[in-house]
Protein backbone atom coordinates (compact mmCIF):
# COMPACT_ATOMS: atom_id res chain seq x y z
CA UNK A 1 0.00 0.00 0.00
CA UNK A 2 1.34 3.41 -0.96
CA UNK A 3 0.70 6.86 0.47
CA UNK A 4 -1.67 7.52 -2.43
CA UNK A 5 -3.63 4.36 -1.56
CA UNK A 6 -3.97 5.56 2.04
CA UNK A 7 -5.18 8.97 0.85
CA UNK A 8 -7.75 7.41 -1.49
CA UNK A 9 -9.07 5.05 1.21
CA UNK A 10 -9.37 7.78 3.85
CA UNK A 11 -10.99 10.13 1.33
CA UNK A 12 -13.54 7.51 0.30
CA UNK A 13 -14.42 6.54 3.87
CA UNK A 14 -14.68 10.09 5.23
CA UNK A 15 -16.11 11.91 2.19
CA UNK A 16 -13.32 14.48 2.45
CA UNK A 17 -11.56 15.88 -0.61
CA UNK A 18 -8.41 14.01 -1.59
CA UNK A 19 -6.37 17.22 -1.54
CA UNK A 20 -7.37 17.89 2.08
CA UNK A 21 -6.58 14.31 3.13
CA UNK A 22 -3.25 14.52 1.30
CA UNK A 23 -2.29 17.67 3.24
CA UNK A 24 -3.14 16.03 6.57
CA UNK A 25 -1.31 12.78 5.77
CA UNK A 26 1.78 14.62 4.51
CA UNK A 27 1.84 16.95 7.52
CA UNK A 28 1.55 13.91 9.82
CA UNK A 29 4.54 12.27 8.15
CA UNK A 30 6.51 15.54 8.21
CA UNK A 31 5.82 15.96 11.93
CA UNK A 32 7.00 12.41 12.66
CA UNK A 33 10.21 12.94 10.68
CA UNK A 34 10.88 16.28 12.40
CA UNK A 35 10.45 14.73 15.84
CA UNK A 36 12.74 11.80 14.99
CA UNK A 37 15.33 14.27 13.67
CA UNK A 38 15.31 15.93 17.10
CA UNK A 39 15.81 12.50 18.71
CA UNK A 40 12.28 12.29 20.13
CA UNK A 41 10.26 9.10 20.45
CA UNK A 42 6.90 8.87 18.65
CA UNK A 43 4.42 6.70 20.54
CA UNK A 44 1.09 5.96 18.85
CA UNK A 45 -1.09 3.94 21.25
CA UNK A 46 -2.08 0.50 19.94
CA UNK A 47 -0.10 1.15 16.74
CA UNK A 48 3.54 1.28 17.73
CA UNK A 49 6.61 3.30 18.63
CA UNK A 50 9.14 4.98 16.33
CA UNK A 51 12.49 5.94 17.82
CA UNK A 52 16.04 6.72 16.80
CA UNK A 53 18.68 4.24 17.86
CA UNK A 54 22.45 4.74 17.78
CA UNK A 55 24.36 1.90 16.16
CA UNK A 56 27.94 1.38 17.30
CA UNK A 57 30.88 1.34 14.94
CA UNK A 58 31.90 -2.11 13.81
CA UNK A 59 34.14 -3.97 11.43
CA UNK A 60 32.47 -5.02 8.19
CA UNK A 61 33.61 -7.15 5.29
CA UNK A 62 33.47 -6.49 1.55
CA UNK A 63 31.89 -9.69 0.15
CA UNK A 64 33.69 -9.36 -3.21
CA UNK A 65 37.22 -8.87 -1.94
CA UNK A 66 36.82 -10.35 1.55
CA UNK A 67 38.61 -7.23 2.81
CA UNK A 68 37.64 -5.91 6.26
CA UNK A 69 36.50 -2.31 6.44
CA UNK A 70 35.48 -0.10 9.37
CA UNK A 71 31.78 0.84 9.47
CA UNK A 72 31.24 4.14 11.31
CA UNK A 73 28.58 4.63 13.99
CA UNK A 74 25.21 5.81 12.70
CA UNK A 75 21.67 6.54 13.73
CA UNK A 76 18.78 4.41 12.48
CA UNK A 77 15.01 4.64 12.89
CA UNK A 78 13.43 1.59 14.51
CA UNK A 79 9.75 0.70 14.80
CA UNK A 80 8.21 -1.56 17.39
CA UNK A 81 4.63 -2.61 16.76
CA UNK A 82 2.05 -2.04 19.49
CA UNK A 83 0.12 -4.85 21.15
CA UNK A 84 -3.11 -4.30 19.23
CA UNK A 85 -1.28 -4.26 15.88
CA UNK A 86 0.62 -7.43 16.77
CA UNK A 87 -2.61 -9.22 17.64
CA UNK A 88 -4.39 -8.15 14.45
CA UNK A 89 -1.47 -9.07 12.20
CA UNK A 90 -1.19 -12.55 13.68
PDB file of N, CA and C in Angstrom:
ATOM      1  N   UNK A   1       0.851  -1.175   0.000  1.00  0.00           N
ATOM      2  CA  UNK A   1       0.000   0.000   0.000  1.00  0.00           C
ATOM      3  C   UNK A   1       0.891   1.230   0.000  1.00  0.00           C
ATOM      4  N   UNK A   2       0.555   2.182  -0.854  1.00  0.00           N
ATOM      5  CA  UNK A   2       1.336   3.415  -0.960  1.00  0.00           C
ATOM      6  C   UNK A   2       0.618   4.555  -0.234  1.00  0.00           C
ATOM      7  N   UNK A   3       1.306   5.692  -0.154  1.00  0.00           N
ATOM      8  CA  UNK A   3       0.703   6.862   0.473  1.00  0.00           C
ATOM      9  C   UNK A   3      -0.558   7.272  -0.296  1.00  0.00           C
ATOM     10  N   UNK A   4      -0.507   7.178  -1.612  1.00  0.00           N
ATOM     11  CA  UNK A   4      -1.673   7.520  -2.426  1.00  0.00           C
ATOM     12  C   UNK A   4      -2.851   6.594  -2.116  1.00  0.00           C
ATOM     13  N   UNK A   5      -2.577   5.304  -1.917  1.00  0.00           N
ATOM     14  CA  UNK A   5      -3.631   4.356  -1.560  1.00  0.00           C
ATOM     15  C   UNK A   5      -4.277   4.734  -0.225  1.00  0.00           C
ATOM     16  N   UNK A   6      -3.458   5.139   0.723  1.00  0.00           N
ATOM     17  CA  UNK A   6      -3.971   5.562   2.038  1.00  0.00           C
ATOM     18  C   UNK A   6      -4.868   6.783   1.868  1.00  0.00           C
ATOM     19  N   UNK A   7      -4.414   7.745   1.078  1.00  0.00           N
ATOM     20  CA  UNK A   7      -5.180   8.970   0.850  1.00  0.00           C
ATOM     21  C   UNK A   7      -6.521   8.646   0.200  1.00  0.00           C
ATOM     22  N   UNK A   8      -6.515   7.789  -0.807  1.00  0.00           N
ATOM     23  CA  UNK A   8      -7.752   7.411  -1.490  1.00  0.00           C
ATOM     24  C   UNK A   8      -8.728   6.712  -0.540  1.00  0.00           C
ATOM     25  N   UNK A   9      -8.209   5.792   0.277  1.00  0.00           N
ATOM     26  CA  UNK A   9      -9.067   5.048   1.207  1.00  0.00           C
ATOM     27  C   UNK A   9      -9.687   5.973   2.253  1.00  0.00           C
ATOM     28  N   UNK A  10      -8.862   6.846   2.841  1.00  0.00           N
ATOM     29  CA  UNK A  10      -9.372   7.778   3.852  1.00  0.00           C
ATOM     30  C   UNK A  10     -10.381   8.737   3.217  1.00  0.00           C
ATOM     31  N   UNK A  11     -10.086   9.217   2.021  1.00  0.00           N
ATOM     32  CA  UNK A  11     -10.986  10.127   1.326  1.00  0.00           C
ATOM     33  C   UNK A  11     -12.336   9.463   1.038  1.00  0.00           C
ATOM     34  N   UNK A  12     -12.300   8.231   0.588  1.00  0.00           N
ATOM     35  CA  UNK A  12     -13.542   7.505   0.299  1.00  0.00           C
ATOM     36  C   UNK A  12     -14.365   7.262   1.562  1.00  0.00           C
ATOM     37  N   UNK A  13     -13.704   6.893   2.647  1.00  0.00           N
ATOM     38  CA  UNK A  13     -14.420   6.540   3.870  1.00  0.00           C
ATOM     39  C   UNK A  13     -14.893   7.734   4.680  1.00  0.00           C
ATOM     40  N   UNK A  14     -14.308   8.904   4.447  1.00  0.00           N
ATOM     41  CA  UNK A  14     -14.678  10.089   5.232  1.00  0.00           C
ATOM     42  C   UNK A  14     -15.404  11.148   4.416  1.00  0.00           C
ATOM     43  N   UNK A  15     -15.489  10.935   3.103  1.00  0.00           N
ATOM     44  CA  UNK A  15     -16.112  11.910   2.195  1.00  0.00           C
ATOM     45  C   UNK A  15     -15.413  13.269   2.234  1.00  0.00           C
ATOM     46  N   UNK A  16     -14.121  13.258   2.510  1.00  0.00           N
ATOM     47  CA  UNK A  16     -13.321  14.482   2.447  1.00  0.00           C
ATOM     48  C   UNK A  16     -12.621  14.530   1.096  1.00  0.00           C
ATOM     49  N   UNK A  17     -12.266  15.726   0.664  1.00  0.00           N
ATOM     50  CA  UNK A  17     -11.559  15.876  -0.607  1.00  0.00           C
ATOM     51  C   UNK A  17     -10.170  15.257  -0.489  1.00  0.00           C
ATOM     52  N   UNK A  18      -9.728  14.646  -1.591  1.00  0.00           N
ATOM     53  CA  UNK A  18      -8.406  14.010  -1.593  1.00  0.00           C
ATOM     54  C   UNK A  18      -7.300  15.006  -1.283  1.00  0.00           C
ATOM     55  N   UNK A  19      -7.414  16.216  -1.774  1.00  0.00           N
ATOM     56  CA  UNK A  19      -6.374  17.217  -1.539  1.00  0.00           C
ATOM     57  C   UNK A  19      -6.260  17.563  -0.056  1.00  0.00           C
ATOM     58  N   UNK A  20      -7.397  17.594   0.642  1.00  0.00           N
ATOM     59  CA  UNK A  20      -7.373  17.887   2.080  1.00  0.00           C
ATOM     60  C   UNK A  20      -6.761  16.718   2.854  1.00  0.00           C
ATOM     61  N   UNK A  21      -7.141  15.506   2.477  1.00  0.00           N
ATOM     62  CA  UNK A  21      -6.582  14.315   3.131  1.00  0.00           C
ATOM     63  C   UNK A  21      -5.075  14.241   2.870  1.00  0.00           C
ATOM     64  N   UNK A  22      -4.672  14.556   1.648  1.00  0.00           N
ATOM     65  CA  UNK A  22      -3.247  14.516   1.300  1.00  0.00           C
ATOM     66  C   UNK A  22      -2.444  15.483   2.179  1.00  0.00           C
ATOM     67  N   UNK A  23      -2.981  16.680   2.403  1.00  0.00           N
ATOM     68  CA  UNK A  23      -2.291  17.668   3.245  1.00  0.00           C
ATOM     69  C   UNK A  23      -2.133  17.154   4.672  1.00  0.00           C
ATOM     70  N   UNK A  24      -3.183  16.538   5.200  1.00  0.00           N
ATOM     71  CA  UNK A  24      -3.141  16.027   6.574  1.00  0.00           C
ATOM     72  C   UNK A  24      -2.150  14.877   6.689  1.00  0.00           C
ATOM     73  N   UNK A  25      -2.212  13.941   5.745  1.00  0.00           N
ATOM     74  CA  UNK A  25      -1.310  12.780   5.775  1.00  0.00           C
ATOM     75  C   UNK A  25       0.139  13.245   5.649  1.00  0.00           C
ATOM     76  N   UNK A  26       0.405  14.145   4.706  1.00  0.00           N
ATOM     77  CA  UNK A  26       1.780  14.625   4.509  1.00  0.00           C
ATOM     78  C   UNK A  26       2.282  15.378   5.733  1.00  0.00           C
ATOM     79  N   UNK A  27       1.436  16.209   6.327  1.00  0.00           N
ATOM     80  CA  UNK A  27       1.843  16.950   7.524  1.00  0.00           C
ATOM     81  C   UNK A  27       2.113  16.007   8.691  1.00  0.00           C
ATOM     82  N   UNK A  28       1.319  14.917   8.781  1.00  0.00           N
ATOM     83  CA  UNK A  28       1.550  13.915   9.817  1.00  0.00           C
ATOM     84  C   UNK A  28       2.926  13.285   9.647  1.00  0.00           C
ATOM     85  N   UNK A  29       3.233  12.876   8.415  1.00  0.00           N
ATOM     86  CA  UNK A  29       4.543  12.267   8.150  1.00  0.00           C
ATOM     87  C   UNK A  29       5.676  13.267   8.416  1.00  0.00           C
ATOM     88  N   UNK A  30       5.482  14.511   7.988  1.00  0.00           N
ATOM     89  CA  UNK A  30       6.513  15.541   8.215  1.00  0.00           C
ATOM     90  C   UNK A  30       6.760  15.754   9.700  1.00  0.00           C
ATOM     91  N   UNK A  31       5.701  15.766  10.488  1.00  0.00           N
ATOM     92  CA  UNK A  31       5.822  15.964  11.928  1.00  0.00           C
ATOM     93  C   UNK A  31       6.573  14.804  12.574  1.00  0.00           C
ATOM     94  N   UNK A  32       6.289  13.579  12.143  1.00  0.00           N
ATOM     95  CA  UNK A  32       6.997  12.405  12.660  1.00  0.00           C
ATOM     96  C   UNK A  32       8.478  12.493  12.331  1.00  0.00           C
ATOM     97  N   UNK A  33       8.803  12.845  11.095  1.00  0.00           N
ATOM     98  CA  UNK A  33      10.211  12.941  10.684  1.00  0.00           C
ATOM     99  C   UNK A  33      10.930  14.039  11.466  1.00  0.00           C
ATOM    100  N   UNK A  34      10.276  15.184  11.642  1.00  0.00           N
ATOM    101  CA  UNK A  34      10.885  16.284  12.399  1.00  0.00           C
ATOM    102  C   UNK A  34      11.180  15.863  13.841  1.00  0.00           C
ATOM    103  N   UNK A  35      10.251  15.170  14.464  1.00  0.00           N
ATOM    104  CA  UNK A  35      10.451  14.727  15.843  1.00  0.00           C
ATOM    105  C   UNK A  35      11.591  13.721  15.926  1.00  0.00           C
ATOM    106  N   UNK A  36      11.651  12.788  14.988  1.00  0.00           N
ATOM    107  CA  UNK A  36      12.739  11.801  14.986  1.00  0.00           C
ATOM    108  C   UNK A  36      14.086  12.479  14.746  1.00  0.00           C
ATOM    109  N   UNK A  37      14.093  13.518  13.921  1.00  0.00           N
ATOM    110  CA  UNK A  37      15.326  14.269  13.669  1.00  0.00           C
ATOM    111  C   UNK A  37      15.846  14.911  14.953  1.00  0.00           C
ATOM    112  N   UNK A  38      14.924  15.335  15.810  1.00  0.00           N
ATOM    113  CA  UNK A  38      15.315  15.925  17.101  1.00  0.00           C
ATOM    114  C   UNK A  38      15.630  14.855  18.148  1.00  0.00           C
ATOM    115  N   UNK A  39      15.501  13.579  17.778  1.00  0.00           N
ATOM    116  CA  UNK A  39      15.806  12.496  18.707  1.00  0.00           C
ATOM    117  C   UNK A  39      14.649  12.112  19.606  1.00  0.00           C
ATOM    118  N   UNK A  40      13.451  12.594  19.307  1.00  0.00           N
ATOM    119  CA  UNK A  40      12.283  12.289  20.126  1.00  0.00           C
ATOM    120  C   UNK A  40      11.696  10.932  19.746  1.00  0.00           C
ATOM    121  N   UNK A  41      10.946  10.370  20.678  1.00  0.00           N
ATOM    122  CA  UNK A  41      10.261   9.097  20.449  1.00  0.00           C
ATOM    123  C   UNK A  41       8.811   9.405  20.075  1.00  0.00           C
ATOM    124  N   UNK A  42       8.292   8.701  19.073  1.00  0.00           N
ATOM    125  CA  UNK A  42       6.900   8.867  18.652  1.00  0.00           C
ATOM    126  C   UNK A  42       6.134   7.636  19.105  1.00  0.00           C
ATOM    127  N   UNK A  43       5.196   7.822  20.005  1.00  0.00           N
ATOM    128  CA  UNK A  43       4.415   6.701  20.535  1.00  0.00           C
ATOM    129  C   UNK A  43       2.962   6.872  20.128  1.00  0.00           C
ATOM    130  N   UNK A  44       2.475   5.951  19.302  1.00  0.00           N
ATOM    131  CA  UNK A  44       1.088   5.959  18.854  1.00  0.00           C
ATOM    132  C   UNK A  44       0.406   4.762  19.503  1.00  0.00           C
ATOM    133  N   UNK A  45      -0.446   5.006  20.471  1.00  0.00           N
ATOM    134  CA  UNK A  45      -1.092   3.938  21.245  1.00  0.00           C
ATOM    135  C   UNK A  45      -1.741   2.907  20.330  1.00  0.00           C
ATOM    136  N   UNK A  46      -1.536   1.644  20.656  1.00  0.00           N
ATOM    137  CA  UNK A  46      -2.076   0.496  19.944  1.00  0.00           C
ATOM    138  C   UNK A  46      -1.554   0.353  18.513  1.00  0.00           C
ATOM    139  N   UNK A  47      -0.703   1.259  18.069  1.00  0.00           N
ATOM    140  CA  UNK A  47      -0.100   1.151  16.741  1.00  0.00           C
ATOM    141  C   UNK A  47       1.357   0.757  16.866  1.00  0.00           C
ATOM    142  N   UNK A  48       2.141   1.606  17.547  1.00  0.00           N
ATOM    143  CA  UNK A  48       3.544   1.282  17.730  1.00  0.00           C
ATOM    144  C   UNK A  48       4.366   2.487  18.129  1.00  0.00           C
ATOM    145  N   UNK A  49       5.671   2.260  18.199  1.00  0.00           N
ATOM    146  CA  UNK A  49       6.610   3.296  18.629  1.00  0.00           C
ATOM    147  C   UNK A  49       7.729   3.423  17.603  1.00  0.00           C
ATOM    148  N   UNK A  50       7.991   4.662  17.179  1.00  0.00           N
ATOM    149  CA  UNK A  50       9.136   4.976  16.334  1.00  0.00           C
ATOM    150  C   UNK A  50      10.168   5.641  17.227  1.00  0.00           C
ATOM    151  N   UNK A  51      11.431   5.244  17.091  1.00  0.00           N
ATOM    152  CA  UNK A  51      12.485   5.944  17.824  1.00  0.00           C
ATOM    153  C   UNK A  51      13.801   5.820  17.072  1.00  0.00           C
ATOM    154  N   UNK A  52      14.726   6.712  17.424  1.00  0.00           N
ATOM    155  CA  UNK A  52      16.044   6.719  16.802  1.00  0.00           C
ATOM    156  C   UNK A  52      16.992   5.952  17.704  1.00  0.00           C
ATOM    157  N   UNK A  53      17.744   5.051  17.101  1.00  0.00           N
ATOM    158  CA  UNK A  53      18.684   4.235  17.858  1.00  0.00           C
ATOM    159  C   UNK A  53      20.087   4.470  17.300  1.00  0.00           C
ATOM    160  N   UNK A  54      21.058   4.544  18.188  1.00  0.00           N
ATOM    161  CA  UNK A  54      22.450   4.740  17.784  1.00  0.00           C
ATOM    162  C   UNK A  54      23.117   3.380  17.601  1.00  0.00           C
ATOM    163  N   UNK A  55      23.621   3.134  16.413  1.00  0.00           N
ATOM    164  CA  UNK A  55      24.363   1.899  16.160  1.00  0.00           C
ATOM    165  C   UNK A  55      25.843   2.167  16.389  1.00  0.00           C
ATOM    166  N   UNK A  56      26.518   1.218  17.026  1.00  0.00           N
ATOM    167  CA  UNK A  56      27.944   1.375  17.303  1.00  0.00           C
ATOM    168  C   UNK A  56      28.759   1.134  16.035  1.00  0.00           C
ATOM    169  N   UNK A  57      29.992   1.631  16.060  1.00  0.00           N
ATOM    170  CA  UNK A  57      30.881   1.339  14.938  1.00  0.00           C
ATOM    171  C   UNK A  57      31.265  -0.137  15.006  1.00  0.00           C
ATOM    172  N   UNK A  58      31.555  -0.696  13.855  1.00  0.00           N
ATOM    173  CA  UNK A  58      31.898  -2.114  13.812  1.00  0.00           C
ATOM    174  C   UNK A  58      32.819  -2.369  12.631  1.00  0.00           C
ATOM    175  N   UNK A  59      33.308  -3.569  12.550  1.00  0.00           N
ATOM    176  CA  UNK A  59      34.140  -3.966  11.426  1.00  0.00           C
ATOM    177  C   UNK A  59      33.292  -4.778  10.465  1.00  0.00           C
ATOM    178  N   UNK A  60      33.230  -4.321   9.219  1.00  0.00           N
ATOM    179  CA  UNK A  60      32.468  -5.018   8.194  1.00  0.00           C
ATOM    180  C   UNK A  60      33.405  -5.739   7.239  1.00  0.00           C
ATOM    181  N   UNK A  61      32.795  -6.413   6.266  1.00  0.00           N
ATOM    182  CA  UNK A  61      33.607  -7.151   5.292  1.00  0.00           C
ATOM    183  C   UNK A  61      33.022  -6.932   3.908  1.00  0.00           C
ATOM    184  N   UNK A  62      33.886  -6.610   2.947  1.00  0.00           N
ATOM    185  CA  UNK A  62      33.474  -6.489   1.555  1.00  0.00           C
ATOM    186  C   UNK A  62      33.317  -7.908   1.006  1.00  0.00           C
ATOM    187  N   UNK A  63      32.087  -8.306   0.597  1.00  0.00           N
ATOM    188  CA  UNK A  63      31.889  -9.686   0.155  1.00  0.00           C
ATOM    189  C   UNK A  63      32.636 -10.043  -1.130  1.00  0.00           C
ATOM    190  N   UNK A  64      32.952  -9.072  -1.961  1.00  0.00           N
ATOM    191  CA  UNK A  64      33.685  -9.358  -3.205  1.00  0.00           C
ATOM    192  C   UNK A  64      35.157  -9.641  -2.961  1.00  0.00           C
ATOM    193  N   UNK A  65      35.776  -8.760  -2.143  1.00  0.00           N
ATOM    194  CA  UNK A  65      37.221  -8.873  -1.945  1.00  0.00           C
ATOM    195  C   UNK A  65      37.585  -9.548  -0.631  1.00  0.00           C
ATOM    196  N   UNK A  66      36.594  -9.760   0.220  1.00  0.00           N
ATOM    197  CA  UNK A  66      36.816 -10.349   1.547  1.00  0.00           C
ATOM    198  C   UNK A  66      37.679  -9.450   2.431  1.00  0.00           C
ATOM    199  N   UNK A  67      37.803  -8.188   2.057  1.00  0.00           N
ATOM    200  CA  UNK A  67      38.606  -7.229   2.814  1.00  0.00           C
ATOM    201  C   UNK A  67      37.762  -6.647   3.946  1.00  0.00           C
ATOM    202  N   UNK A  68      38.359  -6.505   5.137  1.00  0.00           N
ATOM    203  CA  UNK A  68      37.639  -5.912   6.263  1.00  0.00           C
ATOM    204  C   UNK A  68      37.694  -4.396   6.148  1.00  0.00           C
ATOM    205  N   UNK A  69      36.575  -3.762   6.490  1.00  0.00           N
ATOM    206  CA  UNK A  69      36.496  -2.305   6.437  1.00  0.00           C
ATOM    207  C   UNK A  69      35.774  -1.809   7.689  1.00  0.00           C
ATOM    208  N   UNK A  70      36.174  -0.643   8.204  1.00  0.00           N
ATOM    209  CA  UNK A  70      35.480  -0.102   9.374  1.00  0.00           C
ATOM    210  C   UNK A  70      34.145   0.529   8.956  1.00  0.00           C
ATOM    211  N   UNK A  71      33.099   0.244   9.707  1.00  0.00           N
ATOM    212  CA  UNK A  71      31.784   0.841   9.474  1.00  0.00           C
ATOM    213  C   UNK A  71      31.563   1.843  10.608  1.00  0.00           C
ATOM    214  N   UNK A  72      31.381   3.119  10.271  1.00  0.00           N
ATOM    215  CA  UNK A  72      31.245   4.143  11.309  1.00  0.00           C
ATOM    216  C   UNK A  72      29.922   4.024  12.061  1.00  0.00           C
ATOM    217  N   UNK A  73      29.850   4.629  13.252  1.00  0.00           N
ATOM    218  CA  UNK A  73      28.576   4.625  13.988  1.00  0.00           C
ATOM    219  C   UNK A  73      27.542   5.435  13.219  1.00  0.00           C
ATOM    220  N   UNK A  74      26.267   5.074  13.388  1.00  0.00           N
ATOM    221  CA  UNK A  74      25.212   5.810  12.699  1.00  0.00           C
ATOM    222  C   UNK A  74      23.901   5.685  13.459  1.00  0.00           C
ATOM    223  N   UNK A  75      22.993   6.559  13.117  1.00  0.00           N
ATOM    224  CA  UNK A  75      21.667   6.543  13.731  1.00  0.00           C
ATOM    225  C   UNK A  75      20.702   5.880  12.751  1.00  0.00           C
ATOM    226  N   UNK A  76      19.790   5.062  13.295  1.00  0.00           N
ATOM    227  CA  UNK A  76      18.779   4.407  12.483  1.00  0.00           C
ATOM    228  C   UNK A  76      17.417   4.571  13.158  1.00  0.00           C
ATOM    229  N   UNK A  77      16.368   4.574  12.357  1.00  0.00           N
ATOM    230  CA  UNK A  77      15.012   4.638  12.888  1.00  0.00           C
ATOM    231  C   UNK A  77      14.512   3.214  13.062  1.00  0.00           C
ATOM    232  N   UNK A  78      13.984   2.919  14.246  1.00  0.00           N
ATOM    233  CA  UNK A  78      13.426   1.594  14.510  1.00  0.00           C
ATOM    234  C   UNK A  78      11.944   1.747  14.840  1.00  0.00           C
ATOM    235  N   UNK A  79      11.182   0.709  14.519  1.00  0.00           N
ATOM    236  CA  UNK A  79       9.749   0.698  14.798  1.00  0.00           C
ATOM    237  C   UNK A  79       9.422  -0.569  15.558  1.00  0.00           C
ATOM    238  N   UNK A  80       8.668  -0.418  16.631  1.00  0.00           N
ATOM    239  CA  UNK A  80       8.211  -1.562  17.395  1.00  0.00           C
ATOM    240  C   UNK A  80       6.685  -1.521  17.402  1.00  0.00           C
ATOM    241  N   UNK A  81       6.081  -2.563  16.871  1.00  0.00           N
ATOM    242  CA  UNK A  81       4.628  -2.614  16.762  1.00  0.00           C
ATOM    243  C   UNK A  81       3.979  -2.667  18.135  1.00  0.00           C
ATOM    244  N   UNK A  82       2.815  -2.028  18.251  1.00  0.00           N
ATOM    245  CA  UNK A  82       2.047  -2.045  19.486  1.00  0.00           C
ATOM    246  C   UNK A  82       1.302  -3.360  19.644  1.00  0.00           C
ATOM    247  N   UNK A  83       0.786  -3.594  20.826  1.00  0.00           N
ATOM    248  CA  UNK A  83       0.117  -4.850  21.155  1.00  0.00           C
ATOM    249  C   UNK A  83      -1.086  -5.119  20.254  1.00  0.00           C
ATOM    250  N   UNK A  84      -1.922  -4.111  20.055  1.00  0.00           N
ATOM    251  CA  UNK A  84      -3.112  -4.304  19.226  1.00  0.00           C
ATOM    252  C   UNK A  84      -2.735  -4.637  17.782  1.00  0.00           C
ATOM    253  N   UNK A  85      -1.724  -3.973  17.246  1.00  0.00           N
ATOM    254  CA  UNK A  85      -1.284  -4.264  15.885  1.00  0.00           C
ATOM    255  C   UNK A  85      -0.739  -5.680  15.789  1.00  0.00           C
ATOM    256  N   UNK A  86       0.069  -6.082  16.763  1.00  0.00           N
ATOM    257  CA  UNK A  86       0.619  -7.432  16.768  1.00  0.00           C
ATOM    258  C   UNK A  86      -0.484  -8.487  16.755  1.00  0.00           C
ATOM    259  N   UNK A  87      -1.519  -8.255  17.559  1.00  0.00           N
ATOM    260  CA  UNK A  87      -2.607  -9.219  17.641  1.00  0.00           C
ATOM    261  C   UNK A  87      -3.401  -9.285  16.335  1.00  0.00           C
ATOM    262  N   UNK A  88      -3.628  -8.166  15.695  1.00  0.00           N
ATOM    263  CA  UNK A  88      -4.394  -8.151  14.454  1.00  0.00           C
ATOM    264  C   UNK A  88      -3.606  -8.736  13.280  1.00  0.00           C
ATOM    265  N   UNK A  89      -2.295  -8.549  13.284  1.00  0.00           N
ATOM    266  CA  UNK A  89      -1.475  -9.067  12.197  1.00  0.00           C
ATOM    267  C   UNK A  89      -1.291 -10.569  12.284  1.00  0.00           C
ATOM    268  N   UNK A  90      -1.338 -11.111  13.514  1.00  0.00           N
ATOM    269  CA  UNK A  90      -1.188 -12.555  13.681  1.00  0.00           C
ATOM    270  C   UNK A  90      -2.153 -13.235  12.822  1.00  0.00           C
TER     271      UNK A  90
END
